[in-house]
Amino acid sequence: MICMAVLPSDTFAHKAQRILTANGYKTEMIRTTTREDGCIFGIRIYGKLETIKLLLEQERIPVKSLRIERDNT
C-alpha cells in the first residue's frame, strides 16, 4: 500500500520522514504548490495507513490529511 501524508510545514514533513524511516518505512518527500493552499509538504509512504496514522499520532506530528494513494493488495 502506498499512502500520502500532507503536513502543515517543511519542518513537520522532515520530522515525520525521519520517524517513519527510523521505523522501517520507505518514504519520499514531495513538495507541490496549489492555488488554494500555497506550498504543500507531503510524504509518500510505503506501508499500511492504519499503522502509519498511529505512529504519527503517537509522535504528535500534525497531519493535514492522510490517504491511500495506491492499494497494491
PDB file of N, CA and C in Angstrom:
ATOM      1  N   MET A   1       0.846  -1.169   0.000  1.00  0.00           N
ATOM      2  CA  MET A   1       0.000   0.000   0.000  1.00  0.00           C
ATOM      3  C   MET A   1       0.899   1.241   0.000  1.00  0.00           C
ATOM      4  N   ILE A   2       0.510   2.220  -0.787  1.00  0.00           N
ATOM      5  CA  ILE A   2       1.237   3.486  -0.820  1.00  0.00           C
ATOM      6  C   ILE A   2       0.305   4.570  -0.291  1.00  0.00           C
ATOM      7  N   CYS A   3       0.762   5.293   0.717  1.00  0.00           N
ATOM      8  CA  CYS A   3      -0.041   6.339   1.346  1.00  0.00           C
ATOM      9  C   CYS A   3       0.596   7.701   1.109  1.00  0.00           C
ATOM     10  N   MET A   4      -0.229   8.735   1.212  1.00  0.00           N
ATOM     11  CA  MET A   4       0.251  10.101   1.089  1.00  0.00           C
ATOM     12  C   MET A   4      -0.162  10.864   2.340  1.00  0.00           C
ATOM     13  N   ALA A   5       0.820  11.445   3.019  1.00  0.00           N
ATOM     14  CA  ALA A   5       0.561  12.295   4.187  1.00  0.00           C
ATOM     15  C   ALA A   5       0.886  13.727   3.803  1.00  0.00           C
ATOM     16  N   VAL A   6      -0.047  14.630   4.063  1.00  0.00           N
ATOM     17  CA  VAL A   6       0.171  16.056   3.827  1.00  0.00           C
ATOM     18  C   VAL A   6       0.355  16.710   5.177  1.00  0.00           C
ATOM     19  N   LEU A   7       1.452  17.452   5.323  1.00  0.00           N
ATOM     20  CA  LEU A   7       1.805  18.059   6.599  1.00  0.00           C
ATOM     21  C   LEU A   7       1.790  19.577   6.500  1.00  0.00           C
ATOM     22  N   PRO A   8       1.635  20.262   7.654  1.00  0.00           N
ATOM     23  CA  PRO A   8       1.473  21.720   7.621  1.00  0.00           C
ATOM     24  C   PRO A   8       2.746  22.518   7.334  1.00  0.00           C
ATOM     25  N   SER A   9       3.919  21.880   7.423  1.00  0.00           N
ATOM     26  CA  SER A   9       5.155  22.635   7.188  1.00  0.00           C
ATOM     27  C   SER A   9       6.285  21.712   6.772  1.00  0.00           C
ATOM     28  N   ASP A  10       7.312  22.306   6.228  1.00  0.00           N
ATOM     29  CA  ASP A  10       8.529  21.594   5.852  1.00  0.00           C
ATOM     30  C   ASP A  10       9.162  20.942   7.079  1.00  0.00           C
ATOM     31  N   THR A  11       9.147  21.638   8.202  1.00  0.00           N
ATOM     32  CA  THR A  11       9.739  21.115   9.444  1.00  0.00           C
ATOM     33  C   THR A  11       9.047  19.829   9.875  1.00  0.00           C
ATOM     34  N   PHE A  12       7.705  19.833   9.898  1.00  0.00           N
ATOM     35  CA  PHE A  12       6.968  18.635  10.289  1.00  0.00           C
ATOM     36  C   PHE A  12       7.134  17.518   9.267  1.00  0.00           C
ATOM     37  N   ALA A  13       7.232  17.853   7.988  1.00  0.00           N
ATOM     38  CA  ALA A  13       7.428  16.840   6.955  1.00  0.00           C
ATOM     39  C   ALA A  13       8.766  16.132   7.148  1.00  0.00           C
ATOM     40  N   HIS A  14       9.824  16.885   7.411  1.00  0.00           N
ATOM     41  CA  HIS A  14      11.135  16.268   7.632  1.00  0.00           C
ATOM     42  C   HIS A  14      11.155  15.448   8.920  1.00  0.00           C
ATOM     43  N   LYS A  15      10.527  15.954   9.971  1.00  0.00           N
ATOM     44  CA  LYS A  15      10.471  15.208  11.233  1.00  0.00           C
ATOM     45  C   LYS A  15       9.702  13.899  11.042  1.00  0.00           C
ATOM     46  N   ALA A  16       8.568  13.963  10.355  1.00  0.00           N
ATOM     47  CA  ALA A  16       7.776  12.761  10.092  1.00  0.00           C
ATOM     48  C   ALA A  16       8.571  11.767   9.249  1.00  0.00           C
ATOM     49  N   GLN A  17       9.289  12.265   8.259  1.00  0.00           N
ATOM     50  CA  GLN A  17      10.082  11.380   7.412  1.00  0.00           C
ATOM     51  C   GLN A  17      11.170  10.670   8.222  1.00  0.00           C
ATOM     52  N   ARG A  18      11.833  11.400   9.116  1.00  0.00           N
ATOM     53  CA  ARG A  18      12.867  10.776   9.958  1.00  0.00           C
ATOM     54  C   ARG A  18      12.270   9.681  10.836  1.00  0.00           C
ATOM     55  N   ILE A  19      11.123   9.960  11.445  1.00  0.00           N
ATOM     56  CA  ILE A  19      10.468   8.994  12.330  1.00  0.00           C
ATOM     57  C   ILE A  19      10.029   7.761  11.544  1.00  0.00           C
ATOM     58  N   LEU A  20       9.406   7.980  10.399  1.00  0.00           N
ATOM     59  CA  LEU A  20       8.941   6.856   9.591  1.00  0.00           C
ATOM     60  C   LEU A  20      10.101   6.002   9.091  1.00  0.00           C
ATOM     61  N   THR A  21      11.158   6.637   8.620  1.00  0.00           N
ATOM     62  CA  THR A  21      12.329   5.907   8.144  1.00  0.00           C
ATOM     63  C   THR A  21      12.977   5.109   9.272  1.00  0.00           C
ATOM     64  N   ALA A  22      13.064   5.698  10.451  1.00  0.00           N
ATOM     65  CA  ALA A  22      13.631   5.007  11.614  1.00  0.00           C
ATOM     66  C   ALA A  22      12.798   3.790  12.016  1.00  0.00           C
ATOM     67  N   ASN A  23      11.519   3.800  11.640  1.00  0.00           N
ATOM     68  CA  ASN A  23      10.630   2.681  11.947  1.00  0.00           C
ATOM     69  C   ASN A  23      10.468   1.720  10.773  1.00  0.00           C
ATOM     70  N   GLY A  24      11.349   1.835   9.785  1.00  0.00           N
ATOM     71  CA  GLY A  24      11.402   0.872   8.701  1.00  0.00           C
ATOM     72  C   GLY A  24      10.539   1.155   7.483  1.00  0.00           C
ATOM     73  N   TYR A  25       9.961   2.338   7.401  1.00  0.00           N
ATOM     74  CA  TYR A  25       9.132   2.684   6.247  1.00  0.00           C
ATOM     75  C   TYR A  25       9.972   3.342   5.164  1.00  0.00           C
ATOM     76  N   LYS A  26       9.691   2.983   3.915  1.00  0.00           N
ATOM     77  CA  LYS A  26      10.301   3.659   2.776  1.00  0.00           C
ATOM     78  C   LYS A  26       9.465   4.912   2.520  1.00  0.00           C
ATOM     79  N   THR A  27      10.119   6.069   2.367  1.00  0.00           N
ATOM     80  CA  THR A  27       9.396   7.328   2.186  1.00  0.00           C
ATOM     81  C   THR A  27      10.006   8.146   1.051  1.00  0.00           C
ATOM     82  N   GLU A  28       9.194   9.046   0.509  1.00  0.00           N
ATOM     83  CA  GLU A  28       9.654  10.014  -0.487  1.00  0.00           C
ATOM     84  C   GLU A  28       9.042  11.362  -0.139  1.00  0.00           C
ATOM     85  N   MET A  29       9.864  12.398  -0.050  1.00  0.00           N
ATOM     86  CA  MET A  29       9.375  13.745   0.230  1.00  0.00           C
ATOM     87  C   MET A  29       8.816  14.344  -1.058  1.00  0.00           C
ATOM     88  N   ILE A  30       7.654  14.987  -0.946  1.00  0.00           N
ATOM     89  CA  ILE A  30       7.013  15.612  -2.097  1.00  0.00           C
ATOM     90  C   ILE A  30       6.627  17.034  -1.724  1.00  0.00           C
ATOM     91  N   ARG A  31       6.955  17.973  -2.596  1.00  0.00           N
ATOM     92  CA  ARG A  31       6.578  19.370  -2.366  1.00  0.00           C
ATOM     93  C   ARG A  31       5.855  19.867  -3.609  1.00  0.00           C
ATOM     94  N   THR A  32       4.655  20.347  -3.390  1.00  0.00           N
ATOM     95  CA  THR A  32       3.877  20.878  -4.509  1.00  0.00           C
ATOM     96  C   THR A  32       3.276  22.214  -4.107  1.00  0.00           C
ATOM     97  N   THR A  33       2.738  22.902  -5.071  1.00  0.00           N
ATOM     98  CA  THR A  33       2.069  24.176  -4.817  1.00  0.00           C
ATOM     99  C   THR A  33       0.676  24.114  -5.408  1.00  0.00           C
ATOM    100  N   THR A  34      -0.308  24.560  -4.616  1.00  0.00           N
ATOM    101  CA  THR A  34      -1.670  24.665  -5.137  1.00  0.00           C
ATOM    102  C   THR A  34      -2.135  26.101  -4.983  1.00  0.00           C
ATOM    103  N   ARG A  35      -3.052  26.469  -5.821  1.00  0.00           N
ATOM    104  CA  ARG A  35      -3.589  27.830  -5.775  1.00  0.00           C
ATOM    105  C   ARG A  35      -4.299  28.093  -4.448  1.00  0.00           C
ATOM    106  N   GLU A  36      -5.004  27.088  -3.926  1.00  0.00           N
ATOM    107  CA  GLU A  36      -5.783  27.254  -2.703  1.00  0.00           C
ATOM    108  C   GLU A  36      -4.919  27.265  -1.442  1.00  0.00           C
ATOM    109  N   ASP A  37      -3.984  26.326  -1.368  1.00  0.00           N
ATOM    110  CA  ASP A  37      -3.220  26.119  -0.134  1.00  0.00           C
ATOM    111  C   ASP A  37      -1.803  26.679  -0.156  1.00  0.00           C
ATOM    112  N   GLY A  38      -1.337  27.104  -1.317  1.00  0.00           N
ATOM    113  CA  GLY A  38       0.055  27.530  -1.404  1.00  0.00           C
ATOM    114  C   GLY A  38       0.961  26.316  -1.425  1.00  0.00           C
ATOM    115  N   CYS A  39       2.040  26.375  -0.675  1.00  0.00           N
ATOM    116  CA  CYS A  39       3.016  25.287  -0.620  1.00  0.00           C
ATOM    117  C   CYS A  39       2.472  24.127   0.216  1.00  0.00           C
ATOM    118  N   ILE A  40       2.588  22.929  -0.299  1.00  0.00           N
ATOM    119  CA  ILE A  40       2.159  21.742   0.430  1.00  0.00           C
ATOM    120  C   ILE A  40       3.357  20.816   0.567  1.00  0.00           C
ATOM    121  N   PHE A  41       3.549  20.318   1.771  1.00  0.00           N
ATOM    122  CA  PHE A  41       4.641  19.395   2.045  1.00  0.00           C
ATOM    123  C   PHE A  41       4.039  18.029   2.323  1.00  0.00           C
ATOM    124  N   GLY A  42       4.442  17.071   1.529  1.00  0.00           N
ATOM    125  CA  GLY A  42       3.877  15.739   1.669  1.00  0.00           C
ATOM    126  C   GLY A  42       4.945  14.672   1.681  1.00  0.00           C
ATOM    127  N   ILE A  43       4.519  13.511   2.133  1.00  0.00           N
ATOM    128  CA  ILE A  43       5.401  12.351   2.148  1.00  0.00           C
ATOM    129  C   ILE A  43       4.632  11.177   1.563  1.00  0.00           C
ATOM    130  N   ARG A  44       5.234  10.521   0.595  1.00  0.00           N
ATOM    131  CA  ARG A  44       4.700   9.268   0.081  1.00  0.00           C
ATOM    132  C   ARG A  44       5.318   8.170   0.951  1.00  0.00           C
ATOM    133  N   ILE A  45       4.457   7.313   1.492  1.00  0.00           N
ATOM    134  CA  ILE A  45       4.902   6.302   2.443  1.00  0.00           C
ATOM    135  C   ILE A  45       4.449   4.928   1.962  1.00  0.00           C
ATOM    136  N   TYR A  46       5.352   3.978   1.982  1.00  0.00           N
ATOM    137  CA  TYR A  46       5.041   2.614   1.585  1.00  0.00           C
ATOM    138  C   TYR A  46       4.754   1.819   2.852  1.00  0.00           C
ATOM    139  N   GLY A  47       3.464   1.560   3.116  1.00  0.00           N
ATOM    140  CA  GLY A  47       3.059   0.836   4.309  1.00  0.00           C
ATOM    141  C   GLY A  47       1.568   0.953   4.534  1.00  0.00           C
ATOM    142  N   LYS A  48       1.082   0.369   5.618  1.00  0.00           N
ATOM    143  CA  LYS A  48      -0.350   0.366   5.922  1.00  0.00           C
ATOM    144  C   LYS A  48      -0.779   1.679   6.557  1.00  0.00           C
ATOM    145  N   LEU A  49      -1.874   2.214   6.060  1.00  0.00           N
ATOM    146  CA  LEU A  49      -2.403   3.504   6.506  1.00  0.00           C
ATOM    147  C   LEU A  49      -2.638   3.533   8.014  1.00  0.00           C
ATOM    148  N   GLU A  50      -3.246   2.498   8.564  1.00  0.00           N
ATOM    149  CA  GLU A  50      -3.602   2.489   9.977  1.00  0.00           C
ATOM    150  C   GLU A  50      -2.374   2.576  10.882  1.00  0.00           C
ATOM    151  N   THR A  51      -1.333   1.824  10.554  1.00  0.00           N
ATOM    152  CA  THR A  51      -0.130   1.838  11.393  1.00  0.00           C
ATOM    153  C   THR A  51       0.649   3.143  11.234  1.00  0.00           C
ATOM    154  N   ILE A  52       0.647   3.688  10.031  1.00  0.00           N
ATOM    155  CA  ILE A  52       1.306   4.978   9.798  1.00  0.00           C
ATOM    156  C   ILE A  52       0.597   6.069  10.594  1.00  0.00           C
ATOM    157  N   LYS A  53      -0.729   6.066  10.546  1.00  0.00           N
ATOM    158  CA  LYS A  53      -1.526   7.058  11.272  1.00  0.00           C
ATOM    159  C   LYS A  53      -1.250   6.972  12.774  1.00  0.00           C
ATOM    160  N   LEU A  54      -1.232   5.770  13.326  1.00  0.00           N
ATOM    161  CA  LEU A  54      -0.954   5.599  14.759  1.00  0.00           C
ATOM    162  C   LEU A  54       0.434   6.102  15.139  1.00  0.00           C
ATOM    163  N   LEU A  55       1.428   5.780  14.333  1.00  0.00           N
ATOM    164  CA  LEU A  55       2.796   6.204  14.610  1.00  0.00           C
ATOM    165  C   LEU A  55       2.911   7.725  14.615  1.00  0.00           C
ATOM    166  N   LEU A  56       2.335   8.383  13.625  1.00  0.00           N
ATOM    167  CA  LEU A  56       2.410   9.847  13.556  1.00  0.00           C
ATOM    168  C   LEU A  56       1.641  10.493  14.714  1.00  0.00           C
ATOM    169  N   GLU A  57       0.506   9.902  15.099  1.00  0.00           N
ATOM    170  CA  GLU A  57      -0.245  10.418  16.252  1.00  0.00           C
ATOM    171  C   GLU A  57       0.563  10.270  17.538  1.00  0.00           C
ATOM    172  N   GLN A  58       1.187   9.115  17.726  1.00  0.00           N
ATOM    173  CA  GLN A  58       1.998   8.873  18.930  1.00  0.00           C
ATOM    174  C   GLN A  58       3.155   9.852  19.030  1.00  0.00           C
ATOM    175  N   GLU A  59       3.702  10.249  17.902  1.00  0.00           N
ATOM    176  CA  GLU A  59       4.830  11.170  17.869  1.00  0.00           C
ATOM    177  C   GLU A  59       4.383  12.632  17.825  1.00  0.00           C
ATOM    178  N   ARG A  60       3.070  12.843  17.897  1.00  0.00           N
ATOM    179  CA  ARG A  60       2.468  14.191  17.909  1.00  0.00           C
ATOM    180  C   ARG A  60       2.840  15.021  16.676  1.00  0.00           C
ATOM    181  N   ILE A  61       2.798  14.356  15.529  1.00  0.00           N
ATOM    182  CA  ILE A  61       3.039  15.032  14.259  1.00  0.00           C
ATOM    183  C   ILE A  61       1.679  15.452  13.696  1.00  0.00           C
ATOM    184  N   PRO A  62       1.437  16.750  13.524  1.00  0.00           N
ATOM    185  CA  PRO A  62       0.155  17.181  12.964  1.00  0.00           C
ATOM    186  C   PRO A  62       0.090  16.849  11.471  1.00  0.00           C
ATOM    187  N   VAL A  63      -0.978  16.182  11.082  1.00  0.00           N
ATOM    188  CA  VAL A  63      -1.153  15.764   9.693  1.00  0.00           C
ATOM    189  C   VAL A  63      -2.415  16.416   9.149  1.00  0.00           C
ATOM    190  N   LYS A  64      -2.283  17.136   8.034  1.00  0.00           N
ATOM    191  CA  LYS A  64      -3.454  17.765   7.403  1.00  0.00           C
ATOM    192  C   LYS A  64      -4.354  16.713   6.774  1.00  0.00           C
ATOM    193  N   SER A  65      -3.742  15.749   6.096  1.00  0.00           N
ATOM    194  CA  SER A  65      -4.511  14.642   5.520  1.00  0.00           C
ATOM    195  C   SER A  65      -3.605  13.432   5.356  1.00  0.00           C
ATOM    196  N   LEU A  66      -4.236  12.273   5.400  1.00  0.00           N
ATOM    197  CA  LEU A  66      -3.527  11.010   5.204  1.00  0.00           C
ATOM    198  C   LEU A  66      -4.467  10.118   4.400  1.00  0.00           C
ATOM    199  N   ARG A  67      -4.004   9.669   3.236  1.00  0.00           N
ATOM    200  CA  ARG A  67      -4.885   8.890   2.381  1.00  0.00           C
ATOM    201  C   ARG A  67      -4.092   7.794   1.663  1.00  0.00           C
ATOM    202  N   ILE A  68      -4.844   6.831   1.164  1.00  0.00           N
ATOM    203  CA  ILE A  68      -4.235   5.779   0.362  1.00  0.00           C
ATOM    204  C   ILE A  68      -4.081   6.325  -1.058  1.00  0.00           C
ATOM    205  N   GLU A  69      -2.871   6.257  -1.552  1.00  0.00           N
ATOM    206  CA  GLU A  69      -2.606   6.702  -2.922  1.00  0.00           C
ATOM    207  C   GLU A  69      -2.759   5.528  -3.889  1.00  0.00           C
ATOM    208  N   ARG A  70      -2.302   4.349  -3.463  1.00  0.00           N
ATOM    209  CA  ARG A  70      -2.425   3.139  -4.285  1.00  0.00           C
ATOM    210  C   ARG A  70      -2.442   1.939  -3.357  1.00  0.00           C
ATOM    211  N   ASP A  71      -3.404   1.053  -3.588  1.00  0.00           N
ATOM    212  CA  ASP A  71      -3.506  -0.169  -2.789  1.00  0.00           C
ATOM    213  C   ASP A  71      -3.036  -1.335  -3.640  1.00  0.00           C
ATOM    214  N   ASN A  72      -1.886  -1.889  -3.296  1.00  0.00           N
ATOM    215  CA  ASN A  72      -1.287  -2.967  -4.094  1.00  0.00           C
ATOM    216  C   ASN A  72      -1.766  -4.346  -3.686  1.00  0.00           C
ATOM    217  N   THR A  73      -2.700  -4.429  -2.738  1.00  0.00           N
ATOM    218  CA  THR A  73      -3.129  -5.756  -2.276  1.00  0.00           C
ATOM    219  C   THR A  73      -4.219  -6.338  -3.114  1.00  0.00           C
TER     220      THR A  73
END
